Protein backbone atom coordinates (compact mmCIF):
# COMPACT_ATOMS: atom_id res chain seq x y z
CA MET A 1 -59.23 -47.05 12.13
CA LYS A 2 -56.93 -44.07 12.89
CA ILE A 3 -56.92 -40.98 10.84
CA ARG A 4 -53.55 -38.99 10.76
CA SER A 5 -53.55 -35.33 11.27
CA SER A 6 -52.40 -33.22 8.36
CA GLY A 7 -51.28 -30.30 10.58
CA GLY A 8 -47.59 -29.36 10.94
CA PHE A 9 -44.45 -29.84 8.84
CA ALA A 10 -42.88 -32.97 7.59
CA VAL A 11 -39.16 -33.43 7.61
CA ILE A 12 -38.94 -33.07 3.90
CA ASP A 13 -40.67 -29.71 4.06
CA LEU A 14 -38.08 -28.50 6.61
CA LEU A 15 -35.22 -29.75 4.43
CA PHE A 16 -36.59 -28.00 1.34
CA VAL A 17 -36.90 -24.73 3.22
CA CYS A 18 -33.31 -25.01 4.59
CA GLY A 19 -32.02 -25.84 1.02
CA ILE A 20 -33.78 -22.70 -0.37
CA ILE A 21 -32.29 -20.54 2.47
CA GLY A 22 -28.77 -21.97 1.71
CA ILE A 23 -29.07 -21.23 -2.04
CA LEU A 24 -30.17 -17.66 -1.33
CA SER A 25 -27.39 -17.11 1.16
CA GLY A 26 -24.85 -18.47 -1.34
CA ILE A 27 -26.07 -15.86 -3.81
CA ALA A 28 -26.18 -13.03 -1.46
CA LEU A 29 -22.92 -13.54 0.39
CA PRO A 30 -20.52 -12.35 -2.40
CA ARG A 31 -22.61 -9.24 -2.90
CA LEU A 32 -22.52 -8.56 0.85
CA MET A 33 -18.75 -8.80 0.93
CA THR A 34 -18.53 -6.40 -2.06
CA ALA A 35 -20.75 -3.92 -0.31
CA ARG A 36 -18.78 -4.35 3.01
CA GLY A 37 -15.52 -3.62 1.12
CA ALA A 38 -17.04 -0.58 -0.55
CA ALA A 39 -18.15 0.86 2.82
CA GLN A 40 -14.75 0.30 4.34
CA THR A 41 -13.08 1.97 1.27
CA SER A 42 -15.35 4.98 1.59
CA SER A 43 -14.59 5.31 5.28
CA ALA A 44 -10.83 5.13 4.56
CA ILE A 45 -11.10 7.94 1.88
CA ALA A 46 -13.14 10.05 4.28
CA SER A 47 -10.54 9.55 6.95
CA MET A 48 -7.85 10.73 4.64
CA ARG A 49 -9.91 13.81 3.73
CA VAL A 50 -10.36 14.59 7.46
CA ILE A 51 -6.71 14.08 8.15
CA GLY A 52 -5.74 16.46 5.26
CA SER A 53 -8.38 19.19 6.34
CA SER A 54 -7.29 18.88 10.02
CA GLN A 55 -3.55 19.30 9.14
CA VAL A 56 -4.20 22.31 6.95
CA SER A 57 -6.38 23.86 9.66
CA PHE A 58 -3.74 23.12 12.28
CA ALA A 59 -0.96 24.62 10.17
CA ILE A 60 -2.83 27.79 9.37
CA THR A 61 -4.28 28.59 12.82
CA CYS A 62 -2.09 27.00 15.39
CA GLY A 63 1.24 25.64 14.00
CA SER A 64 2.62 28.87 12.45
CA GLY A 65 2.66 26.99 9.07
CA PHE A 66 3.93 23.69 10.40
CA TYR A 67 2.01 20.45 10.72
CA ALA A 68 1.07 18.41 13.77
CA PRO A 69 3.19 15.25 14.39
CA SER A 70 0.47 12.79 15.33
CA PHE A 71 -3.34 12.17 15.62
CA THR A 72 -3.24 12.78 19.40
CA SER A 73 -1.47 16.07 18.94
CA LEU A 74 -4.10 17.18 16.41
CA ALA A 75 -6.68 16.18 19.12
CA ARG A 76 -5.16 18.60 21.65
CA PRO A 77 -7.28 21.58 22.14
CA SER A 78 -5.77 25.10 21.63
CA THR A 79 -5.29 27.39 24.44
CA GLY A 80 -8.69 28.74 25.37
CA THR A 81 -10.77 26.13 23.55
CA THR A 82 -12.11 22.76 24.34
CA ALA A 83 -11.98 21.04 20.89
CA GLY A 84 -9.01 19.89 18.94
CA PHE A 85 -8.53 19.84 15.33
CA ILE A 86 -9.56 16.12 14.98
CA GLU A 87 -12.03 14.21 16.87
CA GLY A 88 -13.53 10.77 17.21
CA ASP A 89 -11.71 7.49 16.45
CA LEU A 90 -8.88 9.22 14.76
CA ALA A 91 -8.13 11.20 17.98
CA SER A 92 -7.98 8.16 20.11
CA ALA A 93 -4.39 6.98 19.26
CA ASP A 94 -1.44 7.55 16.90
CA THR A 95 -2.20 4.34 14.98
CA VAL A 96 -5.78 3.70 14.57
CA ILE A 97 -7.74 0.69 13.31
CA LYS A 98 -10.92 1.99 11.83
CA SER A 99 -13.49 0.40 9.44
CA GLY A 100 -11.14 -2.42 8.36
CA TYR A 101 -8.09 -0.18 7.86
CA THR A 102 -4.96 0.65 9.73
CA ILE A 103 -4.57 4.42 9.64
CA GLN A 104 -1.29 6.00 10.65
CA MET A 105 0.49 9.38 10.25
CA SER A 106 4.01 10.67 10.70
CA LEU A 107 6.33 13.56 9.86
CA THR A 108 9.93 14.55 10.23
CA PRO A 109 10.22 17.16 13.03
CA TYR A 110 11.73 20.49 12.08
CA ALA A 111 14.20 21.75 14.69
CA GLY A 112 13.38 25.43 14.01
CA ALA A 113 9.58 25.11 14.33
CA PRO A 114 8.09 27.24 17.06
CA ASP A 115 5.79 26.11 19.82
CA THR A 116 2.19 25.70 18.84
CA CYS A 117 -1.04 27.29 20.35
CA SER A 118 -1.79 23.77 21.79
CA ALA A 119 1.62 23.75 23.61
CA LEU A 120 3.22 20.85 21.82
CA GLY A 121 6.65 22.40 22.25
CA PRO A 122 9.19 23.92 19.93
CA GLY A 123 10.79 21.72 17.21
CA VAL A 124 8.10 19.13 17.41
CA THR A 125 6.02 20.05 14.30
CA GLY A 126 7.12 19.57 10.73
CA GLN A 127 7.12 21.23 7.30
CA ALA A 128 5.19 18.23 5.70
CA PHE A 129 3.34 15.10 6.77
CA LYS A 130 2.22 11.71 5.39
CA ALA A 131 -0.74 9.59 6.39
CA GLY A 132 -1.78 6.16 5.03
CA ALA A 133 -4.64 3.74 5.25
CA ASP A 134 -3.82 0.02 4.67
CA PRO A 135 -6.60 -2.63 4.74
CA LEU A 136 -6.70 -5.41 7.28
CA ASP A 137 -8.42 -7.85 4.91
CA VAL A 138 -6.08 -7.89 1.85
CA VAL A 139 -7.96 -10.78 0.24
CA ASN A 140 -11.29 -8.97 -0.18
CA ASN A 141 -10.11 -5.44 -0.16
CA VAL A 142 -6.95 -4.46 -2.13
CA ARG A 143 -7.26 -0.68 -2.08
CA TYR A 144 -4.55 1.24 -0.28
CA PHE A 145 -4.71 5.06 0.39
CA ALA A 146 -2.27 7.81 1.41
CA ILE A 147 -2.20 11.57 1.69
CA ASN A 148 0.59 14.09 2.22
CA ALA A 149 1.12 17.83 2.58
CA GLY A 150 0.20 18.17 -1.05
CA ASN A 151 -3.32 17.27 0.15
CA ALA A 152 -4.15 14.84 -2.66
CA ILE A 153 -5.39 11.42 -1.79
CA TRP A 154 -3.46 8.75 -3.62
CA GLU A 155 -4.56 5.11 -4.24
CA ASP A 156 -2.65 2.04 -5.20
CA ARG A 157 -3.02 -1.83 -5.21
CA SER A 158 -0.10 -2.13 -2.71
CA SER A 159 0.79 -0.18 0.43
CA LEU A 160 1.76 3.45 -0.15
CA TRP A 161 2.68 4.07 3.52
CA ALA A 162 6.35 3.12 3.33
CA THR A 163 7.14 4.86 0.07
CA MET A 164 4.88 8.00 0.44
CA PRO A 165 6.97 11.09 0.66
CA GLU A 166 5.89 13.96 3.05
CA PHE A 167 5.43 16.20 0.13
CA GLY A 168 5.24 15.44 -3.62
CA ASP A 169 4.06 12.51 -5.65
CA PRO A 170 4.70 8.84 -4.59
CA ALA A 171 6.59 6.49 -6.82
CA SER A 172 3.38 4.54 -7.64
CA GLY A 173 -0.38 4.96 -7.52
CA PHE A 174 -2.75 7.62 -8.80
CA THR A 175 -4.71 10.44 -7.27
CA LEU A 176 -8.41 10.14 -6.55
CA ARG A 177 -10.63 12.74 -8.18
């Protein structure tokens, strides 16, 4: 007479554990996506704040009251220094994909603008600017952000980039407080 060993798992035990893991994953996934969207949104808002602060700092100290035309020009160090006005991901290109958002900036050059302390050249800087952050995943994240020379961050449920003026209030959206 053979006696079976009671050690180990049966197939039914394994299926039961897999089922429980599947149910818990199904409950946790929507909350994880919400948390991910909130983190991306926070990063986009922080990027807009950095852009606004960097532009104001550039205009006051280096641009003779005029704003820098791009992220890469904000990243250029002033004469006699080694650091620019903006660093990190935002300094890497003129259009940046960061934390699930496409972030871009532009301005209209002012022909009478003087050269800057970072040697951008005369007539390159502008009297005002605009920057926008549009989400890459528009299904799970529908918050769009923009900032301009008024230094207020605007939010809307559709892109503000195309309609954002370089100074003043956009046609839609509301300011973040």
